[in-house]
């Protein structure tokens, strides 16, 4: 029995000693933390009656402007390195739409325009993503609002203002921070 204890102890000691490697604390010096935050931006639903003026004339374009002061926090303003705009669109209409998103400054003037989104008719799962760095676009730091323009791709198409189809737009912004900045 004493031989069994000695052999078990020898086996445990061998297993523990064989897994030991020198610790390299210099790896911590090269580590760079880059936190990522997702922030809801704009969400709205467009119904057919919203494409009509009070006089009954159909409009081919709707524009939504909203305040979005991401950079009022100095920590984010000083540490941000990259911005990723994400959008999801649910289009129940039998019409294609073009969506244009612009970032606005404090005077509601455009400072950056994202690529146009072409959403096909009855596309219930359209997704869009565009990433911009502050190195290539330093004006992004002046963002104070968003402008979203929805245009019908076929202006001759007549919409029914009593229809219940809808276009839903949801967006969020991912903010990448550099804690060493």
N, C-alpha and C. Protein backbone atom coordinates (compact mmCIF):
# COMPACT_ATOMS: atom_id res chain seq x y z
N UNK A 1 0.82 -1.18 0.00
CA UNK A 1 0.00 0.00 0.00
C UNK A 1 0.87 1.25 0.00
N UNK A 2 1.99 1.19 0.67
CA UNK A 2 2.90 2.29 0.72
C UNK A 2 3.46 2.58 -0.68
N UNK A 3 3.66 1.52 -1.48
CA UNK A 3 4.15 1.66 -2.85
C UNK A 3 3.10 2.38 -3.72
N UNK A 4 1.82 2.10 -3.48
CA UNK A 4 0.75 2.77 -4.22
C UNK A 4 0.73 4.27 -3.91
N UNK A 5 0.93 4.64 -2.66
CA UNK A 5 0.94 6.05 -2.28
C UNK A 5 2.12 6.77 -2.90
N UNK A 6 3.25 6.13 -2.89
CA UNK A 6 4.46 6.74 -3.45
C UNK A 6 4.31 6.91 -4.96
N UNK A 7 3.78 5.88 -5.63
CA UNK A 7 3.62 5.99 -7.09
C UNK A 7 2.56 7.05 -7.44
N UNK A 8 1.48 7.16 -6.66
CA UNK A 8 0.46 8.18 -6.92
C UNK A 8 1.03 9.58 -6.68
N UNK A 9 1.82 9.73 -5.62
CA UNK A 9 2.46 11.00 -5.32
C UNK A 9 3.45 11.37 -6.42
N UNK A 10 4.23 10.40 -6.90
CA UNK A 10 5.18 10.63 -7.98
C UNK A 10 4.45 11.05 -9.25
N UNK A 11 3.33 10.39 -9.56
CA UNK A 11 2.54 10.70 -10.75
C UNK A 11 1.97 12.13 -10.66
N UNK A 12 1.43 12.51 -9.52
CA UNK A 12 0.87 13.86 -9.33
C UNK A 12 1.97 14.91 -9.46
N UNK A 13 3.11 14.66 -8.85
CA UNK A 13 4.22 15.59 -8.91
C UNK A 13 4.72 15.74 -10.35
N UNK A 14 4.78 14.64 -11.07
CA UNK A 14 5.21 14.67 -12.47
C UNK A 14 4.21 15.47 -13.31
N UNK A 15 2.92 15.25 -13.11
CA UNK A 15 1.89 15.95 -13.88
C UNK A 15 1.92 17.45 -13.62
N UNK A 16 2.12 17.85 -12.38
CA UNK A 16 2.14 19.27 -12.03
C UNK A 16 3.40 19.92 -12.57
N UNK A 17 4.52 19.27 -12.47
CA UNK A 17 5.79 19.86 -12.90
C UNK A 17 5.92 19.92 -14.41
N UNK A 18 5.28 19.02 -15.11
CA UNK A 18 5.43 19.00 -16.57
C UNK A 18 4.64 20.14 -17.23
N UNK A 19 3.67 20.73 -16.54
CA UNK A 19 2.84 21.79 -17.12
C UNK A 19 3.33 23.19 -16.77
N UNK A 20 4.46 23.32 -16.14
CA UNK A 20 4.95 24.62 -15.70
C UNK A 20 5.78 25.22 -16.83
N UNK A 21 5.52 26.50 -17.09
CA UNK A 21 6.30 27.24 -18.07
C UNK A 21 6.63 28.59 -17.44
N UNK A 22 7.72 29.19 -17.86
CA UNK A 22 8.10 30.49 -17.33
C UNK A 22 7.03 31.52 -17.68
N UNK A 23 6.69 32.35 -16.72
CA UNK A 23 5.70 33.40 -16.95
C UNK A 23 6.38 34.58 -17.63
N UNK A 24 5.70 35.15 -18.62
CA UNK A 24 6.23 36.27 -19.37
C UNK A 24 5.34 37.48 -19.13
N UNK A 25 5.72 38.31 -18.14
CA UNK A 25 4.91 39.47 -17.79
C UNK A 25 5.07 40.61 -18.78
N UNK A 26 6.03 40.52 -19.71
CA UNK A 26 6.18 41.58 -20.71
C UNK A 26 5.01 41.57 -21.70
N UNK A 27 4.25 40.49 -21.76
CA UNK A 27 3.08 40.45 -22.62
C UNK A 27 2.05 41.49 -22.20
N UNK A 28 1.98 41.79 -20.92
CA UNK A 28 1.05 42.79 -20.44
C UNK A 28 1.38 44.18 -20.95
N UNK A 29 2.67 44.44 -21.18
CA UNK A 29 3.07 45.75 -21.70
C UNK A 29 2.55 45.96 -23.11
N UNK A 30 2.42 44.89 -23.87
CA UNK A 30 1.96 44.98 -25.26
C UNK A 30 0.45 44.90 -25.38
N UNK A 31 -0.24 44.63 -24.28
CA UNK A 31 -1.69 44.50 -24.31
C UNK A 31 -2.33 45.88 -24.46
N UNK A 32 -3.32 45.97 -25.34
CA UNK A 32 -4.01 47.23 -25.58
C UNK A 32 -5.51 46.99 -25.47
N UNK A 33 -6.14 47.60 -24.48
CA UNK A 33 -7.58 47.43 -24.29
C UNK A 33 -8.33 48.36 -25.24
N UNK A 34 -9.28 47.80 -25.98
CA UNK A 34 -10.12 48.58 -26.89
C UNK A 34 -11.57 48.25 -26.61
N UNK A 35 -12.19 48.96 -25.66
CA UNK A 35 -13.59 48.68 -25.36
C UNK A 35 -14.49 49.08 -26.54
N UNK A 36 -15.58 48.35 -26.69
CA UNK A 36 -16.55 48.60 -27.75
C UNK A 36 -17.91 48.80 -27.09
N UNK A 37 -18.57 49.90 -27.44
CA UNK A 37 -19.90 50.19 -26.91
C UNK A 37 -20.88 50.28 -28.08
N UNK A 38 -22.04 49.67 -27.92
CA UNK A 38 -23.12 49.78 -28.89
C UNK A 38 -24.18 50.72 -28.33
N UNK A 39 -24.52 51.72 -29.12
CA UNK A 39 -25.46 52.75 -28.68
C UNK A 39 -26.60 52.84 -29.68
N UNK A 40 -27.83 52.70 -29.21
CA UNK A 40 -28.99 52.84 -30.09
C UNK A 40 -29.02 54.25 -30.65
N UNK A 41 -29.28 54.35 -31.95
CA UNK A 41 -29.26 55.67 -32.60
C UNK A 41 -30.68 56.13 -32.94
N UNK A 42 -31.27 55.57 -33.99
CA UNK A 42 -32.58 56.01 -34.46
C UNK A 42 -33.44 54.79 -34.75
N UNK A 43 -34.72 54.90 -34.38
CA UNK A 43 -35.70 53.85 -34.70
C UNK A 43 -37.01 54.53 -35.05
N UNK A 44 -37.57 54.19 -36.20
CA UNK A 44 -38.88 54.73 -36.56
C UNK A 44 -39.56 53.81 -37.56
N UNK A 45 -40.86 54.02 -37.71
CA UNK A 45 -41.69 53.27 -38.65
C UNK A 45 -42.38 54.28 -39.55
N UNK A 46 -42.38 54.00 -40.87
CA UNK A 46 -43.02 54.87 -41.84
C UNK A 46 -44.21 54.13 -42.44
N UNK A 47 -45.38 54.75 -42.30
CA UNK A 47 -46.62 54.21 -42.87
C UNK A 47 -46.96 54.98 -44.14
N UNK A 48 -47.76 54.41 -45.05
CA UNK A 48 -48.04 55.06 -46.33
C UNK A 48 -48.60 56.48 -46.21
N UNK A 49 -49.45 56.74 -45.23
CA UNK A 49 -50.05 58.08 -45.13
C UNK A 49 -49.01 59.16 -44.88
N UNK A 50 -47.82 58.77 -44.37
CA UNK A 50 -46.77 59.74 -44.10
C UNK A 50 -46.10 60.25 -45.38
N UNK A 51 -46.36 59.59 -46.51
CA UNK A 51 -45.84 60.05 -47.79
C UNK A 51 -46.78 61.07 -48.45
N UNK A 52 -47.81 61.49 -47.73
CA UNK A 52 -48.78 62.43 -48.30
C UNK A 52 -48.80 63.73 -47.51
N UNK A 53 -48.87 64.86 -48.26
CA UNK A 53 -49.04 66.17 -47.65
C UNK A 53 -50.49 66.30 -47.19
N UNK A 54 -50.76 67.31 -46.40
CA UNK A 54 -52.14 67.53 -45.94
C UNK A 54 -53.09 67.80 -47.11
N UNK A 55 -52.55 68.35 -48.19
CA UNK A 55 -53.38 68.63 -49.37
C UNK A 55 -53.73 67.36 -50.15
N UNK A 56 -53.08 66.24 -49.81
CA UNK A 56 -53.35 64.98 -50.49
C UNK A 56 -52.34 64.62 -51.55
N UNK A 57 -51.38 65.50 -51.83
CA UNK A 57 -50.34 65.21 -52.81
C UNK A 57 -49.33 64.23 -52.23
N UNK A 58 -48.94 63.26 -53.07
CA UNK A 58 -47.96 62.27 -52.61
C UNK A 58 -46.55 62.84 -52.73
N UNK A 59 -45.75 62.66 -51.68
CA UNK A 59 -44.33 63.05 -51.70
C UNK A 59 -43.51 61.81 -52.03
N UNK A 60 -42.38 62.03 -52.65
CA UNK A 60 -41.49 60.92 -52.99
C UNK A 60 -40.32 60.81 -52.02
N UNK A 61 -40.32 61.67 -51.02
CA UNK A 61 -39.19 61.71 -50.09
C UNK A 61 -39.66 62.14 -48.71
N UNK A 62 -39.14 61.47 -47.69
CA UNK A 62 -39.39 61.84 -46.30
C UNK A 62 -38.03 62.00 -45.64
N UNK A 63 -37.94 63.00 -44.79
CA UNK A 63 -36.67 63.23 -44.09
C UNK A 63 -36.93 63.27 -42.59
N UNK A 64 -36.10 62.55 -41.85
CA UNK A 64 -36.18 62.50 -40.39
C UNK A 64 -34.86 63.03 -39.84
N UNK A 65 -34.93 64.02 -38.97
CA UNK A 65 -33.73 64.58 -38.34
C UNK A 65 -33.86 64.39 -36.84
N UNK A 66 -32.79 63.92 -36.23
CA UNK A 66 -32.82 63.68 -34.79
C UNK A 66 -31.50 64.12 -34.17
N UNK A 67 -31.59 64.60 -32.93
CA UNK A 67 -30.38 64.93 -32.18
C UNK A 67 -29.72 63.65 -31.71
N UNK A 68 -28.42 63.62 -31.78
CA UNK A 68 -27.67 62.44 -31.33
C UNK A 68 -26.30 62.93 -30.89
N UNK A 69 -26.20 63.32 -29.64
CA UNK A 69 -24.98 63.93 -29.14
C UNK A 69 -24.09 62.88 -28.48
N UNK A 70 -23.45 62.09 -29.29
CA UNK A 70 -22.56 61.03 -28.82
C UNK A 70 -21.33 61.60 -28.12
N UNK A 71 -20.88 62.75 -28.56
CA UNK A 71 -19.59 63.26 -28.08
C UNK A 71 -19.71 64.32 -26.99
N UNK A 72 -20.83 64.37 -26.28
CA UNK A 72 -20.91 65.30 -25.17
C UNK A 72 -20.10 64.79 -23.98
N UNK A 73 -19.81 63.51 -23.95
CA UNK A 73 -18.97 62.92 -22.91
C UNK A 73 -17.51 63.08 -23.34
N UNK A 74 -16.72 63.81 -22.55
CA UNK A 74 -15.32 64.08 -22.91
C UNK A 74 -14.48 62.81 -23.00
N UNK A 75 -14.78 61.83 -22.15
CA UNK A 75 -14.01 60.59 -22.19
C UNK A 75 -14.15 59.93 -23.56
N UNK A 76 -15.38 59.81 -24.04
CA UNK A 76 -15.61 59.21 -25.37
C UNK A 76 -14.99 60.08 -26.45
N UNK A 77 -15.17 61.37 -26.34
CA UNK A 77 -14.64 62.30 -27.35
C UNK A 77 -13.12 62.19 -27.47
N UNK A 78 -12.43 61.98 -26.36
CA UNK A 78 -10.97 61.92 -26.38
C UNK A 78 -10.42 60.53 -26.69
N UNK A 79 -11.22 59.50 -26.52
CA UNK A 79 -10.71 58.13 -26.67
C UNK A 79 -11.21 57.40 -27.92
N UNK A 80 -12.19 57.93 -28.63
CA UNK A 80 -12.76 57.22 -29.77
C UNK A 80 -11.76 57.14 -30.92
N UNK A 81 -11.70 55.97 -31.53
CA UNK A 81 -10.82 55.77 -32.68
C UNK A 81 -11.60 55.32 -33.92
N UNK A 82 -12.76 54.70 -33.70
CA UNK A 82 -13.51 54.17 -34.82
C UNK A 82 -15.00 54.20 -34.50
N UNK A 83 -15.80 54.38 -35.56
CA UNK A 83 -17.25 54.46 -35.44
C UNK A 83 -17.85 53.52 -36.48
N UNK A 84 -18.80 52.70 -36.06
CA UNK A 84 -19.44 51.75 -36.99
C UNK A 84 -20.94 51.99 -36.96
N UNK A 85 -21.50 52.40 -38.10
CA UNK A 85 -22.93 52.64 -38.19
C UNK A 85 -23.60 51.38 -38.72
N UNK A 86 -24.61 50.90 -38.00
CA UNK A 86 -25.35 49.69 -38.38
C UNK A 86 -26.83 50.05 -38.52
N UNK A 87 -27.47 49.50 -39.55
CA UNK A 87 -28.90 49.75 -39.75
C UNK A 87 -29.57 48.46 -40.20
N UNK A 88 -30.82 48.33 -39.76
CA UNK A 88 -31.67 47.22 -40.20
C UNK A 88 -32.97 47.83 -40.71
N UNK A 89 -33.41 47.35 -41.87
CA UNK A 89 -34.63 47.89 -42.48
C UNK A 89 -35.56 46.73 -42.81
N UNK A 90 -36.82 46.91 -42.44
CA UNK A 90 -37.88 45.96 -42.77
C UNK A 90 -38.81 46.71 -43.72
N UNK A 91 -38.85 46.27 -44.98
CA UNK A 91 -39.64 46.95 -46.00
C UNK A 91 -40.79 46.05 -46.46
N UNK A 92 -42.00 46.37 -46.05
CA UNK A 92 -43.18 45.61 -46.46
C UNK A 92 -43.81 46.16 -47.74
N UNK A 93 -43.33 47.30 -48.21
CA UNK A 93 -43.90 47.94 -49.40
C UNK A 93 -43.56 47.14 -50.66
N UNK A 94 -44.39 47.29 -51.68
CA UNK A 94 -44.10 46.73 -53.00
C UNK A 94 -43.33 47.75 -53.82
N UNK A 95 -42.43 48.43 -53.17
CA UNK A 95 -41.64 49.49 -53.80
C UNK A 95 -40.23 49.47 -53.22
N UNK A 96 -39.27 49.78 -54.06
CA UNK A 96 -37.88 49.91 -53.61
C UNK A 96 -37.69 51.29 -53.00
N UNK A 97 -36.81 51.38 -52.02
CA UNK A 97 -36.50 52.66 -51.39
C UNK A 97 -35.00 52.87 -51.36
N UNK A 98 -34.62 54.12 -51.38
CA UNK A 98 -33.22 54.52 -51.20
C UNK A 98 -33.17 55.31 -49.90
N UNK A 99 -32.30 54.90 -49.00
CA UNK A 99 -32.14 55.59 -47.72
C UNK A 99 -30.76 56.22 -47.69
N UNK A 100 -30.74 57.48 -47.27
CA UNK A 100 -29.48 58.21 -47.14
C UNK A 100 -29.34 58.68 -45.70
N UNK A 101 -28.21 58.39 -45.09
CA UNK A 101 -27.96 58.80 -43.70
C UNK A 101 -26.78 59.76 -43.70
N UNK A 102 -26.99 60.89 -43.05
CA UNK A 102 -25.94 61.89 -42.91
C UNK A 102 -25.74 62.21 -41.44
N UNK A 103 -24.49 62.47 -41.08
CA UNK A 103 -24.18 62.97 -39.74
C UNK A 103 -24.19 64.49 -39.81
N UNK A 104 -24.80 65.12 -38.80
CA UNK A 104 -24.94 66.57 -38.80
C UNK A 104 -24.15 67.19 -37.66
N UNK A 105 -23.72 68.43 -37.87
CA UNK A 105 -23.03 69.16 -36.80
C UNK A 105 -24.06 69.90 -35.95
N UNK A 106 -23.61 70.75 -35.04
CA UNK A 106 -24.51 71.46 -34.13
C UNK A 106 -25.46 72.41 -34.87
N UNK A 107 -25.09 72.85 -36.07
CA UNK A 107 -25.95 73.73 -36.88
C UNK A 107 -26.81 72.94 -37.86
N UNK A 108 -26.87 71.64 -37.69
CA UNK A 108 -27.63 70.73 -38.54
C UNK A 108 -27.15 70.75 -39.99
N UNK A 109 -25.88 71.01 -40.18
CA UNK A 109 -25.26 70.94 -41.51
C UNK A 109 -24.56 69.59 -41.64
N UNK A 110 -24.62 68.98 -42.83
CA UNK A 110 -23.98 67.66 -43.01
C UNK A 110 -22.46 67.75 -42.89
N UNK A 111 -21.91 66.79 -42.14
CA UNK A 111 -20.45 66.69 -42.03
C UNK A 111 -19.95 65.37 -42.58
N UNK A 112 -20.86 64.40 -42.77
CA UNK A 112 -20.46 63.11 -43.32
C UNK A 112 -21.70 62.41 -43.88
N UNK A 113 -21.53 61.76 -45.02
CA UNK A 113 -22.64 61.03 -45.64
C UNK A 113 -22.23 59.56 -45.79
N UNK A 114 -23.05 58.66 -45.26
CA UNK A 114 -22.81 57.23 -45.43
C UNK A 114 -23.22 56.81 -46.83
N UNK A 115 -22.77 55.63 -47.23
CA UNK A 115 -23.17 55.10 -48.53
C UNK A 115 -24.69 54.96 -48.57
N UNK A 116 -25.25 55.13 -49.77
CA UNK A 116 -26.71 54.98 -49.92
C UNK A 116 -27.11 53.54 -49.69
N UNK A 117 -28.28 53.37 -49.08
CA UNK A 117 -28.85 52.04 -48.86
C UNK A 117 -29.97 51.84 -49.87
N UNK A 118 -29.86 50.84 -50.70
CA UNK A 118 -30.91 50.50 -51.65
C UNK A 118 -31.66 49.30 -51.11
N UNK A 119 -32.89 49.54 -50.67
CA UNK A 119 -33.70 48.48 -50.06
C UNK A 119 -34.75 48.03 -51.07
N UNK A 120 -34.70 46.77 -51.42
CA UNK A 120 -35.62 46.22 -52.41
C UNK A 120 -37.02 46.07 -51.85
N UNK A 121 -38.00 45.99 -52.75
CA UNK A 121 -39.38 45.79 -52.35
C UNK A 121 -39.52 44.50 -51.56
N UNK A 122 -40.30 44.54 -50.50
CA UNK A 122 -40.60 43.37 -49.65
C UNK A 122 -39.36 42.73 -49.03
N UNK A 123 -38.30 43.48 -48.88
CA UNK A 123 -37.09 42.99 -48.19
C UNK A 123 -37.31 43.17 -46.69
N UNK A 124 -37.49 42.06 -46.00
CA UNK A 124 -37.81 42.12 -44.58
C UNK A 124 -36.59 41.99 -43.67
N UNK A 125 -35.40 41.91 -44.28
CA UNK A 125 -34.20 41.70 -43.45
C UNK A 125 -32.98 42.42 -44.03
N UNK A 126 -33.15 43.62 -44.51
CA UNK A 126 -32.02 44.38 -45.06
C UNK A 126 -31.11 44.83 -43.92
N UNK A 127 -29.80 44.66 -44.12
CA UNK A 127 -28.82 45.09 -43.11
C UNK A 127 -27.73 45.90 -43.78
N UNK A 128 -27.24 46.88 -43.04
CA UNK A 128 -26.22 47.79 -43.54
C UNK A 128 -25.19 48.02 -42.44
N UNK A 129 -23.92 48.10 -42.84
CA UNK A 129 -22.86 48.40 -41.88
C UNK A 129 -21.76 49.17 -42.61
N UNK A 130 -21.32 50.26 -42.00
CA UNK A 130 -20.20 51.03 -42.54
C UNK A 130 -19.35 51.52 -41.38
N UNK A 131 -18.06 51.30 -41.50
CA UNK A 131 -17.12 51.67 -40.45
C UNK A 131 -16.24 52.82 -40.92
N UNK A 132 -16.05 53.79 -40.05
CA UNK A 132 -15.20 54.94 -40.35
C UNK A 132 -14.25 55.18 -39.19
N UNK A 133 -13.01 55.53 -39.50
CA UNK A 133 -12.04 55.86 -38.46
C UNK A 133 -11.96 57.37 -38.30
N UNK A 134 -11.63 57.81 -37.11
CA UNK A 134 -11.50 59.24 -36.88
C UNK A 134 -10.21 59.80 -37.48
N UNK A 135 -9.27 58.93 -37.75
CA UNK A 135 -8.03 59.39 -38.41
C UNK A 135 -8.35 59.86 -39.82
N UNK A 136 -9.17 59.09 -40.56
CA UNK A 136 -9.51 59.46 -41.93
C UNK A 136 -10.66 60.47 -41.99
N UNK A 137 -11.46 60.58 -40.94
CA UNK A 137 -12.59 61.52 -40.90
C UNK A 137 -12.65 62.24 -39.55
N UNK A 138 -11.75 63.17 -39.29
CA UNK A 138 -11.73 63.84 -37.99
C UNK A 138 -12.98 64.69 -37.74
N UNK A 139 -13.74 65.03 -38.78
CA UNK A 139 -14.95 65.84 -38.59
C UNK A 139 -16.05 65.07 -37.87
N UNK A 140 -15.93 63.75 -37.79
CA UNK A 140 -16.94 62.95 -37.10
C UNK A 140 -17.09 63.35 -35.63
N UNK A 141 -16.05 63.90 -35.07
CA UNK A 141 -16.09 64.30 -33.66
C UNK A 141 -17.09 65.44 -33.43
N UNK A 142 -17.49 66.12 -34.50
CA UNK A 142 -18.44 67.24 -34.41
C UNK A 142 -19.89 66.79 -34.58
N UNK A 143 -20.14 65.49 -34.63
CA UNK A 143 -21.49 64.99 -34.84
C UNK A 143 -22.40 65.37 -33.68
N UNK A 144 -23.55 65.94 -34.01
CA UNK A 144 -24.56 66.29 -33.01
C UNK A 144 -25.95 65.79 -33.40
N UNK A 145 -26.07 65.24 -34.61
CA UNK A 145 -27.36 64.76 -35.05
C UNK A 145 -27.26 63.85 -36.25
N UNK A 146 -28.39 63.24 -36.60
CA UNK A 146 -28.49 62.35 -37.75
C UNK A 146 -29.64 62.81 -38.64
N UNK A 147 -29.46 62.68 -39.93
CA UNK A 147 -30.51 62.96 -40.89
C UNK A 147 -30.70 61.69 -41.73
N UNK A 148 -31.93 61.20 -41.78
CA UNK A 148 -32.24 60.02 -42.59
C UNK A 148 -33.27 60.43 -43.63
N UNK A 149 -32.94 60.24 -44.89
CA UNK A 149 -33.85 60.57 -45.99
C UNK A 149 -34.29 59.27 -46.63
N UNK A 150 -35.60 59.12 -46.79
CA UNK A 150 -36.18 57.93 -47.43
C UNK A 150 -36.80 58.39 -48.74
N UNK A 151 -36.32 57.83 -49.84
CA UNK A 151 -36.81 58.20 -51.17
C UNK A 151 -37.43 56.97 -51.84
N UNK A 152 -38.56 57.17 -52.49
CA UNK A 152 -39.12 56.08 -53.28
C UNK A 152 -38.28 55.95 -54.54
N UNK A 153 -37.97 54.72 -54.90
CA UNK A 153 -37.13 54.48 -56.07
C UNK A 153 -37.92 54.66 -57.37
N UNK A 154 -39.23 54.55 -57.29
CA UNK A 154 -40.10 54.70 -58.45
C UNK A 154 -41.12 55.81 -58.13
N UNK A 155 -40.82 57.06 -58.48
CA UNK A 155 -41.71 58.17 -58.13
C UNK A 155 -43.10 58.08 -58.78
N UNK A 156 -43.25 57.31 -59.84
CA UNK A 156 -44.55 57.22 -60.50
C UNK A 156 -45.49 56.24 -59.79
N UNK A 157 -44.96 55.47 -58.85
CA UNK A 157 -45.80 54.54 -58.10
C UNK A 157 -46.70 55.30 -57.13
N UNK A 158 -47.99 55.00 -57.20
CA UNK A 158 -48.95 55.68 -56.32
C UNK A 158 -49.20 54.79 -55.11
N UNK A 159 -49.02 55.37 -53.92
CA UNK A 159 -49.24 54.65 -52.67
C UNK A 159 -50.68 54.86 -52.20
N UNK A 160 -51.18 53.90 -51.46
CA UNK A 160 -52.50 54.00 -50.86
C UNK A 160 -52.33 54.50 -49.43
N UNK A 161 -52.83 55.71 -49.11
CA UNK A 161 -52.61 56.24 -47.77
C UNK A 161 -53.31 55.44 -46.67
N UNK A 162 -54.27 54.61 -47.03
CA UNK A 162 -54.99 53.80 -46.04
C UNK A 162 -54.37 52.42 -45.85
N UNK A 163 -53.31 52.12 -46.58
CA UNK A 163 -52.65 50.82 -46.49
C UNK A 163 -51.94 50.71 -45.14
N UNK A 164 -51.74 49.49 -44.68
CA UNK A 164 -51.08 49.29 -43.37
C UNK A 164 -49.66 48.77 -43.50
N UNK A 165 -49.12 48.72 -44.72
CA UNK A 165 -47.73 48.28 -44.88
C UNK A 165 -46.82 49.31 -44.21
N UNK A 166 -45.65 48.87 -43.83
CA UNK A 166 -44.74 49.78 -43.14
C UNK A 166 -43.30 49.52 -43.52
N UNK A 167 -42.50 50.53 -43.28
CA UNK A 167 -41.06 50.45 -43.42
C UNK A 167 -40.49 50.79 -42.05
N UNK A 168 -39.78 49.83 -41.46
CA UNK A 168 -39.16 50.06 -40.14
C UNK A 168 -37.67 50.27 -40.33
N UNK A 169 -37.16 51.24 -39.62
CA UNK A 169 -35.75 51.56 -39.65
C UNK A 169 -35.22 51.52 -38.23
N UNK A 170 -34.19 50.72 -38.00
CA UNK A 170 -33.53 50.65 -36.69
C UNK A 170 -32.04 50.83 -36.93
N UNK A 171 -31.41 51.59 -36.06
CA UNK A 171 -29.97 51.78 -36.23
C UNK A 171 -29.28 51.87 -34.87
N UNK A 172 -28.01 51.52 -34.90
CA UNK A 172 -27.17 51.67 -33.71
C UNK A 172 -25.76 51.96 -34.17
N UNK A 173 -25.01 52.54 -33.27
CA UNK A 173 -23.62 52.91 -33.56
C UNK A 173 -22.72 52.18 -32.59
N UNK A 174 -21.71 51.51 -33.13
CA UNK A 174 -20.67 50.91 -32.30
C UNK A 174 -19.52 51.90 -32.22
N UNK A 175 -19.08 52.14 -31.00
CA UNK A 175 -17.99 53.07 -30.74
C UNK A 175 -16.81 52.28 -30.23
N UNK A 176 -15.68 52.42 -30.90
CA UNK A 176 -14.44 51.74 -30.50
C UNK A 176 -13.53 52.76 -29.82
N UNK A 177 -13.14 52.47 -28.59
CA UNK A 177 -12.31 53.38 -27.81
C UNK A 177 -10.90 52.82 -27.65
N UNK A 178 -9.94 53.71 -27.56
CA UNK A 178 -8.56 53.35 -27.28
C UNK A 178 -8.24 53.92 -25.90
N UNK A 179 -8.11 53.04 -24.91
CA UNK A 179 -7.89 53.50 -23.54
C UNK A 179 -6.49 54.10 -23.34
N UNK A 180 -5.59 53.86 -24.29
CA UNK A 180 -4.24 54.42 -24.17
C UNK A 180 -4.12 55.78 -24.85
N UNK A 181 -5.17 56.23 -25.49
CA UNK A 181 -5.11 57.50 -26.24
C UNK A 181 -5.05 58.69 -25.31
